[in-house]
Amino acid sequence: MQESRENTFITWLFLYLARSTKYKDFKNFFRKLFKDTNNKYKQYIDYFLIFLIISSVSIFIYEVKHPINKWLEYYAVYFTSTVFLIEYLINFWLYNNIHEEVLKEYNQAKVIKIQPQYFKVLSKAFLYKLSYILTPVAIIDLLAILPAYRPLRVLRILVLFRFLKLLKHSKNLNQFIDVINDRRFELLTLFGVFLFVVFVGGLAIYILEETQNKNINSFFDAIYWSFITVTTVGYGDISPVTTAGRVVSFIIILLGITMVSFATSVIVSAFSEKLDEIKEDRVTKDLNKNSEFLIICGYGQLTKMFLKNSLDLIANNRYVILDKSEEATEQAKQDGYQAICDDASRFDVLKKFINQESKITLLALTGSDIENIYITLNAKSIKRKVRVIAAARDAKLYKKYIRAGADRVTLPNEIASSVLSSAITNPTVHKAFNAILSSKNISNIEELYINKNSKIVGKNIYNCSFKQHNLIIFAIKKGFKGEFIFNPKQDYVLEENDIIIVLGHKVAINYFRNIYKLGSY
């Protein structure tokens, strides 16, 4: 109690905010709304602000020579500036969390039993927050607000900074800046060489022609001529009149063409590399919009066989293939599949593709058991409800897959061995099952999941008309982790969460699923 009395009101307030879950949720809501590029509502805010920027600047341009209605002036000046001011204050508020620093100091002081130094912590946190004002983005935002002050007409020129705000809210402009930023070393080096050539060319022409060329009256004129010549613009208002001056022109024109060509090649190559990244980002965002989709890790023989038998999935583009091999990824693209070159065993890679809203199935089908186990662990740590189906090369690692969280583990080598053995010892049985698995429209084996809305809950098998629909029940699984009941009796009562494994024509299965409102697990 004594400690609480010594705390100032502002310290008490920050401690209260640090412990308040409602305040944290409130701030996280705005952080996602303004900072999270994956938030679906952020793009609407960006569109709204872009509209305000373009419309208000258009009104200011029109106002230069034409009178405008009062409501247009209020809109362009006061309404838009108020919105920009609110955005500025929200960004200032989100820049850092002072309350967390205060709570950290409080907890540390409590552990080591010393007097907490709140003033020092608050001063440091406030100074860090104030540093936001000096960031380029904050300066542009502030200057975009100032045209609202009408008494100083000179401030109207600052309306130009509203266009600079487009850099923050326009994704395409941001991508352009990112491309330039990625090649900043090459471009800065080239810019330094460019300034050197301009200076040397200007100095040379000034020394050679200052007394003979009537258009060069100062060193600035010489620099101006050199700049225009190096950039290959050539206005023609200043041109060399001596032989030595023309030789200098030849040299700096050649240097200018070389530098322009080099700069163009640097930017084009950067855009070419960025294009793949942009396409991958678009695939990721489009995928996350689906309520249900599939992530396939690895593009090997198993993946090829799976995709060949999943034409409906490919048609709807509700999947993505992740493979860290550039050759495998390129081959997948050539085969007509949606693939991205990335290491699926990395946590940050999987996190881009796994959201909390969608129903996601992940297939760990890489050629390495270690990678598949890492993929399983990472996927389950990101979202527990991700359904992971893994292919184990080594049967001895089956338990490790289960411990990692895999929902299903297949053993391709064991299955292939069993199929080969069956083909030798039971050739007729082998042909029968091969016919069932290969003849998709004639005979299908499918799972029918009984949910709470299904019309067969509480009914026995006999009353559900399976035979009338030419469906054969192989087995029933009691829930997701229950036992298998093979060849169940006709008086078996179907319950919620039961999974029925049936054999029949695809049309008959779909019809039965629809009339009884059955799902697929």
Protein backbone atom coordinates (compact mmCIF):
# COMPACT_ATOMS: atom_id res chain seq x y z
CA MET A 1 0.00 0.00 0.00
CA GLN A 2 2.88 2.36 0.87
CA GLU A 3 4.37 1.77 -2.58
CA SER A 4 1.07 2.70 -4.26
CA ARG A 5 0.90 6.02 -2.37
CA GLU A 6 4.38 6.95 -3.54
CA ASN A 7 3.52 6.33 -7.18
CA THR A 8 2.38 9.30 -9.19
CA PHE A 9 -0.99 9.27 -10.91
CA ILE A 10 0.60 8.85 -14.34
CA THR A 11 2.59 5.83 -13.12
CA TRP A 12 -0.53 4.32 -11.62
CA LEU A 13 -2.33 4.92 -14.93
CA PHE A 14 0.35 3.16 -16.98
CA LEU A 15 0.43 0.25 -14.55
CA TYR A 16 -3.34 -0.04 -14.84
CA LEU A 17 -3.14 0.00 -18.66
CA ALA A 18 -0.38 -2.62 -18.62
CA ARG A 19 -2.58 -4.99 -16.64
CA SER A 20 -5.78 -4.28 -18.54
CA THR A 21 -6.59 -6.97 -21.11
CA LYS A 22 -9.30 -4.74 -22.62
CA TYR A 23 -6.78 -1.98 -23.30
CA LYS A 24 -4.32 -4.47 -24.82
CA ASP A 25 -7.03 -5.89 -27.07
CA PHE A 26 -8.11 -2.37 -28.01
CA LYS A 27 -4.56 -1.35 -28.97
CA ASN A 28 -3.90 -4.62 -30.82
CA PHE A 29 -7.07 -4.04 -32.80
CA PHE A 30 -5.76 -0.69 -34.08
CA ARG A 31 -2.27 -2.08 -34.62
CA LYS A 32 -3.65 -4.79 -36.89
CA LEU A 33 -5.93 -2.28 -38.58
CA PHE A 34 -3.11 0.15 -39.42
CA LYS A 35 0.04 -2.00 -39.49
CA ASP A 36 -0.87 -5.58 -40.42
CA THR A 37 -0.76 -5.95 -44.21
CA ASN A 38 -2.63 -9.25 -43.93
CA ASN A 39 -5.60 -7.59 -42.24
CA LYS A 40 -8.46 -7.50 -44.75
CA TYR A 41 -9.76 -4.16 -43.38
CA LYS A 42 -6.41 -2.35 -43.74
CA GLN A 43 -6.74 -2.19 -47.52
CA TYR A 44 -10.10 -0.39 -47.15
CA ILE A 45 -8.48 2.21 -44.89
CA ASP A 46 -5.68 2.65 -47.44
CA TYR A 47 -8.20 3.06 -50.28
CA PHE A 48 -10.13 5.64 -48.24
CA LEU A 49 -6.99 7.66 -47.44
CA ILE A 50 -5.80 7.49 -51.06
CA PHE A 51 -9.19 8.83 -52.17
CA LEU A 52 -8.92 11.70 -49.66
CA ILE A 53 -5.40 12.54 -50.86
CA ILE A 54 -6.24 12.58 -54.58
CA SER A 55 -9.58 14.38 -54.20
CA SER A 56 -8.26 17.07 -51.83
CA VAL A 57 -5.19 17.79 -53.99
CA SER A 58 -7.44 17.98 -57.09
CA ILE A 59 -9.61 20.56 -55.31
CA PHE A 60 -6.54 22.60 -54.32
CA ILE A 61 -5.32 22.59 -57.94
CA TYR A 62 -8.74 23.67 -59.22
CA GLU A 63 -8.89 26.41 -56.56
CA VAL A 64 -5.81 28.17 -57.96
CA LYS A 65 -7.80 29.82 -60.77
CA HIS A 66 -11.42 29.01 -59.94
CA PRO A 67 -13.65 29.77 -56.96
CA ILE A 68 -14.95 26.69 -55.17
CA ASN A 69 -18.05 25.98 -53.11
CA LYS A 70 -17.79 26.37 -49.36
CA TRP A 71 -18.51 22.70 -48.72
CA LEU A 72 -15.67 21.68 -51.05
CA GLU A 73 -13.30 23.94 -49.12
CA TYR A 74 -14.43 22.42 -45.81
CA TYR A 75 -13.97 18.94 -47.25
CA ALA A 76 -10.52 19.54 -48.81
CA VAL A 77 -9.17 21.58 -45.92
CA TYR A 78 -10.80 20.67 -42.64
CA PHE A 79 -12.32 17.21 -43.10
CA THR A 80 -9.31 15.63 -44.83
CA SER A 81 -6.85 17.34 -42.45
CA THR A 82 -8.84 16.09 -39.46
CA VAL A 83 -8.73 12.53 -40.81
CA PHE A 84 -4.98 12.86 -41.43
CA LEU A 85 -4.52 14.27 -37.90
CA ILE A 86 -6.40 11.30 -36.39
CA GLU A 87 -4.23 8.90 -38.42
CA TYR A 88 -1.09 10.76 -37.27
CA LEU A 89 -2.10 10.54 -33.60
CA ILE A 90 -2.98 6.84 -33.88
CA ASN A 91 0.42 6.07 -35.44
CA PHE A 92 2.07 8.13 -32.69
CA TRP A 93 0.15 6.13 -30.07
CA LEU A 94 1.08 2.78 -31.67
CA TYR A 95 4.78 3.61 -32.05
CA ASN A 96 5.72 2.01 -28.71
CA ASN A 97 4.13 0.73 -25.48
CA ILE A 98 5.04 2.93 -22.52
CA HIS A 99 2.81 0.96 -20.16
CA GLU A 100 4.77 -2.23 -20.84
CA GLU A 101 8.04 -0.50 -19.90
CA VAL A 102 6.49 0.72 -16.64
CA LEU A 103 5.17 -2.77 -15.82
CA LYS A 104 8.59 -4.27 -16.59
CA GLU A 105 10.28 -1.82 -14.20
CA TYR A 106 7.64 -2.55 -11.55
CA ASN A 107 8.15 -6.33 -11.79
CA GLN A 108 11.95 -6.08 -11.76
CA ALA A 109 11.91 -3.78 -8.74
CA LYS A 110 9.51 -6.11 -6.95
CA VAL A 111 11.77 -9.14 -7.57
CA ILE A 112 15.00 -7.53 -6.31
CA LYS A 113 13.12 -5.46 -3.67
CA ILE A 114 14.27 -1.94 -4.61
CA GLN A 115 12.44 1.30 -5.25
CA PRO A 116 11.29 1.38 -8.92
CA GLN A 117 12.74 4.24 -10.99
CA TYR A 118 9.55 5.21 -12.81
CA PHE A 119 10.74 8.69 -13.80
CA LYS A 120 13.76 7.28 -15.64
CA VAL A 121 11.66 4.64 -17.41
CA LEU A 122 8.92 7.12 -18.35
CA SER A 123 11.46 9.67 -19.62
CA LYS A 124 13.19 7.10 -21.79
CA ALA A 125 9.89 5.74 -23.15
CA PHE A 126 8.53 9.23 -23.88
CA LEU A 127 11.73 10.26 -25.65
CA TYR A 128 11.53 7.14 -27.80
CA LYS A 129 7.92 7.90 -28.63
CA LEU A 130 8.80 11.51 -29.47
CA SER A 131 11.49 10.22 -31.85
CA TYR A 132 8.59 9.12 -34.08
CA ILE A 133 8.01 12.78 -34.93
CA LEU A 134 11.43 12.92 -36.62
CA THR A 135 10.90 9.87 -38.82
CA PRO A 136 10.42 10.64 -42.55
CA VAL A 137 6.92 9.13 -42.58
CA ALA A 138 5.81 11.24 -39.59
CA ILE A 139 7.26 14.43 -41.10
CA ILE A 140 5.36 13.83 -44.35
CA ASP A 141 2.15 13.12 -42.42
CA LEU A 142 2.54 16.31 -40.38
CA LEU A 143 3.26 18.49 -43.41
CA ALA A 144 0.19 17.00 -45.13
CA ILE A 145 -1.96 18.32 -42.24
CA LEU A 146 -0.60 21.90 -42.20
CA PRO A 147 -2.48 23.19 -45.32
CA ALA A 148 -5.56 23.24 -43.07
CA TYR A 149 -4.22 26.47 -41.54
CA ARG A 150 -5.62 28.93 -44.10
CA PRO A 151 -4.35 32.32 -42.74
CA LEU A 152 -0.83 31.46 -43.93
CA ARG A 153 -1.35 31.04 -47.66
CA VAL A 154 2.24 29.91 -48.13
CA LEU A 155 1.36 26.69 -46.28
CA ARG A 156 -0.86 25.68 -49.19
CA ILE A 157 2.25 24.61 -51.09
CA LEU A 158 2.60 21.86 -48.49
CA VAL A 159 -0.38 20.17 -50.11
CA LEU A 160 2.26 18.53 -52.31
CA PHE A 161 3.21 16.42 -49.30
CA ARG A 162 -0.22 14.83 -49.44
CA PHE A 163 0.90 13.12 -52.60
CA LEU A 164 3.93 11.80 -50.74
CA LYS A 165 1.49 10.09 -48.35
CA LEU A 166 0.60 7.86 -51.27
CA LEU A 167 3.97 6.19 -50.74
CA LYS A 168 2.71 4.87 -47.42
CA HIS A 169 -0.76 3.79 -48.52
CA SER A 170 -0.12 2.59 -52.07
CA LYS A 171 1.21 -0.96 -52.19
CA ASN A 172 2.58 -0.59 -55.73
CA LEU A 173 4.60 2.51 -54.81
CA ASN A 174 5.91 0.74 -51.71
CA GLN A 175 7.02 -2.18 -53.84
CA PHE A 176 8.85 0.22 -56.17
CA ILE A 177 10.64 1.79 -53.19
CA ASP A 178 11.54 -1.68 -51.90
CA VAL A 179 13.09 -2.54 -55.26
CA ILE A 180 15.18 0.65 -55.23
CA ASN A 181 16.12 0.04 -51.60
CA ASP A 182 17.33 -3.49 -52.40
CA ARG A 183 19.76 -2.02 -54.94
CA ARG A 184 20.70 1.06 -52.93
CA PHE A 185 24.43 0.15 -52.82
CA GLU A 186 24.73 -0.17 -56.60
CA LEU A 187 22.58 2.91 -57.23
CA LEU A 188 24.39 5.06 -54.64
CA THR A 189 27.74 4.03 -56.11
CA LEU A 190 26.49 4.91 -59.58
CA PHE A 191 25.09 8.22 -58.31
CA GLY A 192 28.49 9.08 -56.79
CA VAL A 193 30.21 8.37 -60.14
CA PHE A 194 27.52 10.43 -61.88
CA LEU A 195 28.14 13.46 -59.64
CA PHE A 196 31.89 13.10 -60.18
CA VAL A 197 31.49 13.05 -63.99
CA VAL A 198 29.10 16.04 -63.88
CA PHE A 199 31.54 18.02 -61.74
CA VAL A 200 34.63 17.16 -63.82
CA GLY A 201 32.75 17.82 -67.09
CA GLY A 202 31.44 21.16 -65.79
CA LEU A 203 34.89 22.17 -64.54
CA ALA A 204 36.50 21.23 -67.86
CA ILE A 205 34.01 23.16 -70.01
CA TYR A 206 34.20 26.17 -67.64
CA ILE A 207 38.00 26.34 -67.92
CA LEU A 208 38.02 25.75 -71.69
CA GLU A 209 35.10 27.98 -72.77
CA GLU A 210 34.35 30.55 -70.06
CA THR A 211 36.03 33.32 -72.10
CA GLN A 212 34.84 32.14 -75.53
CA ASN A 213 31.28 30.88 -74.99
CA LYS A 214 28.74 33.67 -74.42
CA ASN A 215 26.25 31.22 -72.86
CA ILE A 216 28.63 30.20 -70.05
CA ASN A 217 28.79 33.12 -67.66
CA SER A 218 29.37 31.22 -64.39
CA PHE A 219 30.49 27.89 -63.01
CA PHE A 220 26.82 27.05 -62.38
CA ASP A 221 26.15 27.38 -66.13
CA ALA A 222 28.97 24.91 -66.79
CA ILE A 223 27.60 22.44 -64.20
CA TYR A 224 24.11 22.85 -65.69
CA TRP A 225 25.42 22.06 -69.18
CA SER A 226 27.37 19.05 -67.88
CA PHE A 227 24.32 17.68 -66.03
CA ILE A 228 22.04 18.03 -69.07
CA THR A 229 24.66 16.41 -71.33
CA VAL A 230 25.50 13.48 -69.03
CA THR A 231 21.80 12.66 -68.65
CA THR A 232 21.59 12.69 -72.49
CA VAL A 233 18.75 15.28 -72.38
CA GLY A 234 20.54 18.03 -74.29
CA TYR A 235 18.28 21.10 -74.35
CA GLY A 236 20.64 22.91 -76.74
CA ASP A 237 20.57 26.24 -74.88
CA ILE A 238 24.29 25.79 -74.07
CA SER A 239 26.67 24.03 -76.45
CA PRO A 240 30.47 23.95 -76.76
CA VAL A 241 32.08 26.22 -79.37
CA THR A 242 35.71 25.07 -79.15
CA THR A 243 37.29 21.84 -80.36
CA ALA A 244 38.47 20.96 -76.86
CA GLY A 245 34.95 21.59 -75.51
CA ARG A 246 33.43 19.28 -78.13
CA VAL A 247 35.96 16.54 -77.23
CA VAL A 248 34.84 16.87 -73.59
CA SER A 249 31.24 16.52 -74.83
CA PHE A 250 32.09 13.26 -76.64
CA ILE A 251 33.62 11.80 -73.50
CA ILE A 252 30.87 12.73 -71.04
CA ILE A 253 28.11 11.71 -73.48
CA LEU A 254 29.67 8.23 -73.72
CA LEU A 255 30.01 8.10 -69.94
CA GLY A 256 26.41 9.31 -69.57
CA ILE A 257 25.02 6.62 -71.89
CA THR A 258 27.05 3.97 -70.02
CA MET A 259 25.75 5.11 -66.62
CA VAL A 260 22.13 5.36 -67.80
CA SER A 261 22.36 1.88 -69.32
CA PHE A 262 23.91 0.47 -66.16
CA ALA A 263 21.27 2.11 -63.92
CA THR A 264 18.50 0.78 -66.18
CA SER A 265 19.92 -2.76 -66.07
CA VAL A 266 20.24 -2.63 -62.25
CA ILE A 267 16.62 -1.51 -61.82
CA VAL A 268 15.25 -3.96 -64.42
CA SER A 269 17.11 -6.91 -62.84
CA ALA A 270 15.84 -5.85 -59.40
CA PHE A 271 12.27 -5.69 -60.68
CA SER A 272 12.67 -9.06 -62.36
CA GLU A 273 13.73 -10.62 -59.04
CA LYS A 274 10.98 -8.77 -57.15
CA LEU A 275 8.34 -9.93 -59.62
CA ASP A 276 8.58 -13.54 -58.38
CA GLU A 277 8.27 -12.33 -54.79
CA ILE A 278 5.20 -10.23 -55.65
CA LYS A 279 3.59 -13.21 -57.38
CA GLU A 280 4.29 -15.41 -54.37
CA ASP A 281 2.79 -12.82 -52.01
CA ARG A 282 -0.32 -12.69 -54.18
CA VAL A 283 -0.61 -16.49 -54.14
CA THR A 284 -0.26 -16.46 -50.34
CA LYS A 285 -2.96 -13.81 -49.87
CA ASP A 286 -5.34 -15.44 -52.34
CA LEU A 287 -4.84 -18.77 -50.59
CA ASN A 288 -5.54 -17.32 -47.14
CA LYS A 289 -8.87 -15.94 -48.37
CA ASN A 290 -10.20 -19.48 -48.74
CA SER A 291 -12.07 -21.11 -45.86
CA GLU A 292 -10.29 -24.38 -46.61
CA PHE A 293 -7.03 -25.08 -48.43
CA LEU A 294 -4.08 -27.44 -48.71
CA ILE A 295 -0.34 -26.90 -48.19
CA ILE A 296 1.84 -29.50 -49.93
CA CYS A 297 5.44 -29.60 -48.75
CA GLY A 298 7.79 -31.12 -51.31
CA TYR A 299 7.40 -31.79 -55.03
CA GLY A 300 8.42 -35.43 -55.46
CA GLN A 301 6.84 -38.54 -56.88
CA LEU A 302 4.23 -38.77 -54.09
CA THR A 303 3.10 -35.17 -54.71
CA LYS A 304 2.89 -35.74 -58.46
CA MET A 305 0.74 -38.84 -57.98
CA PHE A 306 -1.48 -37.02 -55.47
CA LEU A 307 -2.07 -34.02 -57.72
CA LYS A 308 -2.75 -36.25 -60.71
CA ASN A 309 -5.65 -37.75 -58.78
CA SER A 310 -6.91 -34.41 -57.36
CA LEU A 311 -8.11 -32.52 -60.43
CA ASP A 312 -10.93 -30.76 -58.53
CA LEU A 313 -8.41 -29.33 -56.08
CA ILE A 314 -6.21 -27.98 -58.87
CA ALA A 315 -9.17 -26.43 -60.70
CA ASN A 316 -10.13 -24.40 -57.61
CA ASN A 317 -6.51 -23.37 -56.82
CA ARG A 318 -7.03 -24.19 -53.14
CA TYR A 319 -3.49 -25.44 -52.65
CA VAL A 320 0.15 -24.40 -52.79
CA ILE A 321 3.33 -26.45 -53.21
CA LEU A 322 6.38 -25.49 -51.13
CA ASP A 323 9.78 -26.84 -52.10
CA LYS A 324 13.19 -25.42 -51.23
CA SER A 325 14.71 -26.70 -54.49
CA GLU A 326 14.57 -24.16 -57.33
CA GLU A 327 14.69 -26.98 -59.90
CA ALA A 328 11.75 -28.81 -58.31
CA THR A 329 9.75 -25.59 -58.01
CA GLU A 330 10.40 -24.69 -61.64
CA GLN A 331 9.41 -28.20 -62.71
CA ALA A 332 6.15 -27.90 -60.72
CA LYS A 333 5.35 -24.61 -62.46
CA GLN A 334 6.10 -26.14 -65.87
CA ASP A 335 3.74 -28.99 -64.98
CA GLY A 336 1.02 -26.39 -64.43
CA TYR A 337 0.93 -26.37 -60.64
CA GLN A 338 0.97 -23.49 -58.14
CA ALA A 339 4.41 -23.65 -56.50
CA ILE A 340 6.69 -21.44 -54.40
CA CYS A 341 10.39 -21.94 -53.77
CA ASP A 342 10.76 -21.82 -49.98
CA ASP A 343 11.88 -24.00 -47.09
CA ALA A 344 8.69 -25.40 -45.51
CA SER A 345 10.61 -26.68 -42.47
CA ARG A 346 11.21 -23.08 -41.34
CA PHE A 347 8.75 -21.61 -38.84
CA ASP A 348 8.56 -18.15 -40.45
CA VAL A 349 7.80 -19.65 -43.87
CA LEU A 350 4.89 -21.78 -42.67
CA LYS A 351 3.51 -18.91 -40.59
CA LYS A 352 2.82 -16.94 -43.80
CA PHE A 353 0.52 -19.67 -45.07
CA ILE A 354 -1.23 -20.74 -41.87
CA ASN A 355 -3.98 -18.44 -40.60
CA GLN A 356 -6.24 -18.99 -37.62
CA GLU A 357 -9.55 -18.78 -39.50
CA SER A 358 -9.22 -21.31 -42.33
CA LYS A 359 -9.41 -25.10 -42.18
CA ILE A 360 -5.96 -26.17 -43.32
CA THR A 361 -4.57 -29.55 -44.29
CA LEU A 362 -0.79 -29.88 -44.60
CA LEU A 363 0.93 -32.72 -46.47
CA ALA A 364 4.53 -33.34 -45.40
CA LEU A 365 5.81 -35.17 -48.48
CA THR A 366 9.46 -34.16 -48.72
CA GLY A 367 12.11 -36.80 -49.28
CA SER A 368 13.55 -36.34 -45.78
CA ASP A 369 11.95 -37.70 -42.59
CA ILE A 370 13.79 -35.08 -40.52
CA GLU A 371 12.33 -32.25 -42.62
CA ASN A 372 8.85 -33.78 -42.45
CA ILE A 373 9.04 -33.99 -38.64
CA TYR A 374 10.24 -30.35 -38.42
CA ILE A 375 7.39 -29.30 -40.71
CA THR A 376 4.91 -31.13 -38.49
CA LEU A 377 6.28 -29.55 -35.30
CA ASN A 378 6.25 -26.04 -36.75
CA ALA A 379 2.76 -26.38 -38.23
CA LYS A 380 1.30 -27.61 -34.94
CA SER A 381 3.07 -24.85 -32.96
CA ILE A 382 1.55 -22.21 -35.25
CA LYS A 383 -1.96 -23.66 -35.18
CA ARG A 384 -2.91 -26.74 -33.23
CA LYS A 385 -5.92 -27.48 -35.43
CA VAL A 386 -3.88 -27.80 -38.63
CA ARG A 387 -4.45 -31.28 -40.00
CA VAL A 388 -1.02 -32.78 -40.78
CA ILE A 389 -0.62 -35.86 -42.95
CA ALA A 390 2.97 -37.02 -43.30
CA ALA A 391 4.76 -39.63 -45.41
CA ALA A 392 7.38 -41.54 -43.42
CA ARG A 393 10.20 -43.10 -45.41
CA ASP A 394 11.49 -45.06 -42.42
CA ALA A 395 8.84 -47.09 -40.55
CA LYS A 396 10.98 -46.86 -37.37
CA LEU A 397 10.22 -43.12 -37.19
CA TYR A 398 6.44 -43.62 -37.13
CA LYS A 399 6.17 -42.90 -33.38
CA LYS A 400 8.29 -39.76 -33.71
CA TYR A 401 5.87 -38.41 -36.29
CA ILE A 402 2.97 -39.07 -33.90
CA ARG A 403 4.81 -37.36 -31.04
CA ALA A 404 5.50 -34.37 -33.28
CA GLY A 405 1.73 -34.03 -33.73
CA ALA A 406 1.01 -35.65 -37.09
CA ASP A 407 -2.67 -36.59 -37.43
CA ARG A 408 -1.98 -39.27 -40.03
CA VAL A 409 1.26 -41.01 -40.99
CA THR A 410 1.51 -43.06 -44.17
CA LEU A 411 4.30 -45.50 -44.97
CA PRO A 412 4.70 -45.42 -48.79
CA ASN A 413 7.48 -48.02 -48.84
CA GLU A 414 5.49 -50.44 -46.65
CA ILE A 415 2.36 -49.93 -48.78
CA ALA A 416 4.29 -50.47 -52.02
CA SER A 417 5.78 -53.65 -50.57
CA SER A 418 2.33 -54.92 -49.52
CA VAL A 419 0.87 -54.15 -52.94
CA LEU A 420 3.71 -56.04 -54.65
CA SER A 421 3.25 -58.98 -52.32
CA SER A 422 -0.52 -58.94 -52.96
CA ALA A 423 0.04 -58.89 -56.72
CA ILE A 424 2.08 -62.10 -56.38
CA THR A 425 0.13 -64.02 -53.76
CA ASN A 426 -3.44 -62.73 -54.40
CA PRO A 427 -3.52 -61.53 -58.01
CA THR A 428 -7.33 -61.45 -58.27
CA VAL A 429 -7.72 -59.41 -55.06
CA HIS A 430 -4.98 -57.11 -56.29
CA LYS A 431 -6.79 -56.57 -59.61
CA ALA A 432 -10.07 -55.89 -57.80
CA PHE A 433 -8.58 -53.21 -55.55
CA ASN A 434 -6.60 -51.75 -58.43
CA ALA A 435 -9.83 -51.45 -60.42
CA ILE A 436 -11.57 -49.76 -57.48
CA LEU A 437 -8.77 -47.25 -56.95
CA SER A 438 -8.22 -46.45 -60.65
CA SER A 439 -11.86 -46.30 -61.81
CA LYS A 440 -12.90 -43.01 -60.22
CA ASN A 441 -16.39 -42.63 -61.67
CA ILE A 442 -17.34 -46.33 -61.59
CA SER A 443 -16.27 -47.25 -58.07
CA ASN A 444 -15.05 -45.00 -55.28
CA ILE A 445 -14.00 -45.53 -51.69
CA GLU A 446 -14.89 -42.45 -49.64
CA GLU A 447 -15.39 -41.28 -46.06
CA LEU A 448 -18.75 -39.92 -44.94
CA TYR A 449 -18.55 -37.89 -41.76
CA ILE A 450 -21.66 -37.78 -39.53
CA ASN A 451 -21.99 -34.31 -37.95
CA LYS A 452 -24.65 -33.01 -35.61
CA ASN A 453 -26.85 -31.86 -38.52
CA SER A 454 -26.80 -35.21 -40.32
CA LYS A 455 -30.20 -36.85 -40.77
CA ILE A 456 -28.96 -40.36 -39.97
CA VAL A 457 -27.86 -39.64 -36.38
CA GLY A 458 -29.61 -42.20 -34.13
CA LYS A 459 -30.67 -44.46 -37.02
CA ASN A 460 -29.40 -47.98 -37.64
CA ILE A 461 -27.69 -49.02 -40.86
CA TYR A 462 -30.71 -50.99 -42.10
CA ASN A 463 -32.99 -47.91 -42.03
CA CYS A 464 -30.52 -45.69 -43.88
CA SER A 465 -31.05 -47.28 -47.32
CA PHE A 466 -27.39 -47.90 -48.12
CA LYS A 467 -28.29 -50.89 -50.32
CA GLN A 468 -30.98 -48.92 -52.17
CA HIS A 469 -28.27 -46.46 -53.22
CA ASN A 470 -25.89 -49.30 -54.21
CA LEU A 471 -23.44 -48.43 -51.44
CA ILE A 472 -21.39 -51.00 -49.55
CA ILE A 473 -20.18 -50.21 -46.03
CA PHE A 474 -16.63 -51.40 -45.47
CA ALA A 475 -16.14 -50.08 -41.97
CA ILE A 476 -17.15 -47.47 -39.41
CA LYS A 477 -14.70 -45.54 -37.27
CA LYS A 478 -15.97 -44.43 -33.87
CA GLY A 479 -15.02 -40.74 -33.84
CA PHE A 480 -11.64 -39.38 -34.87
CA LYS A 481 -9.62 -41.51 -32.45
CA GLY A 482 -11.98 -44.43 -31.86
CA GLU A 483 -11.85 -48.04 -32.96
CA PHE A 484 -12.60 -49.44 -36.42
CA ILE A 485 -15.66 -51.65 -36.81
CA PHE A 486 -15.28 -53.71 -39.98
CA ASN A 487 -18.38 -55.03 -41.74
CA PRO A 488 -20.79 -53.56 -39.15
CA LYS A 489 -24.12 -55.28 -38.49
CA GLN A 490 -27.39 -53.91 -39.87
CA ASP A 491 -28.67 -52.98 -36.39
CA TYR A 492 -25.65 -50.77 -35.64
CA VAL A 493 -26.89 -47.31 -34.54
CA LEU A 494 -25.02 -44.44 -36.20
CA GLU A 495 -23.79 -41.68 -33.88
CA GLU A 496 -22.44 -38.15 -34.23
CA ASN A 497 -18.72 -38.02 -35.24
CA ASP A 498 -18.85 -41.54 -36.73
CA ILE A 499 -16.95 -41.88 -40.01
CA ILE A 500 -18.47 -44.31 -42.53
CA ILE A 501 -16.20 -45.84 -45.18
CA VAL A 502 -18.30 -46.74 -48.22
CA LEU A 503 -17.74 -48.21 -51.68
CA GLY A 504 -19.95 -47.15 -54.59
CA HIS A 505 -20.49 -45.04 -57.66
CA LYS A 506 -19.35 -41.43 -57.27
CA VAL A 507 -22.79 -40.08 -58.23
CA ALA A 508 -24.49 -42.36 -55.66
CA ILE A 509 -22.09 -41.32 -52.89
CA ASN A 510 -22.58 -37.61 -53.59
CA TYR A 511 -26.37 -38.03 -53.72
CA PHE A 512 -26.39 -39.95 -50.41
CA ARG A 513 -24.12 -37.32 -48.84
CA ASN A 514 -26.43 -34.49 -49.90
CA ILE A 515 -29.79 -36.00 -48.85
CA TYR A 516 -28.50 -36.99 -45.41
CA LYS A 517 -26.33 -33.85 -44.97
CA LEU A 518 -23.10 -35.75 -44.46
CA GLY A 519 -19.67 -34.18 -44.59
CA SER A 520 -16.13 -35.22 -45.38
CA TYR A 521 -13.47 -35.36 -42.71
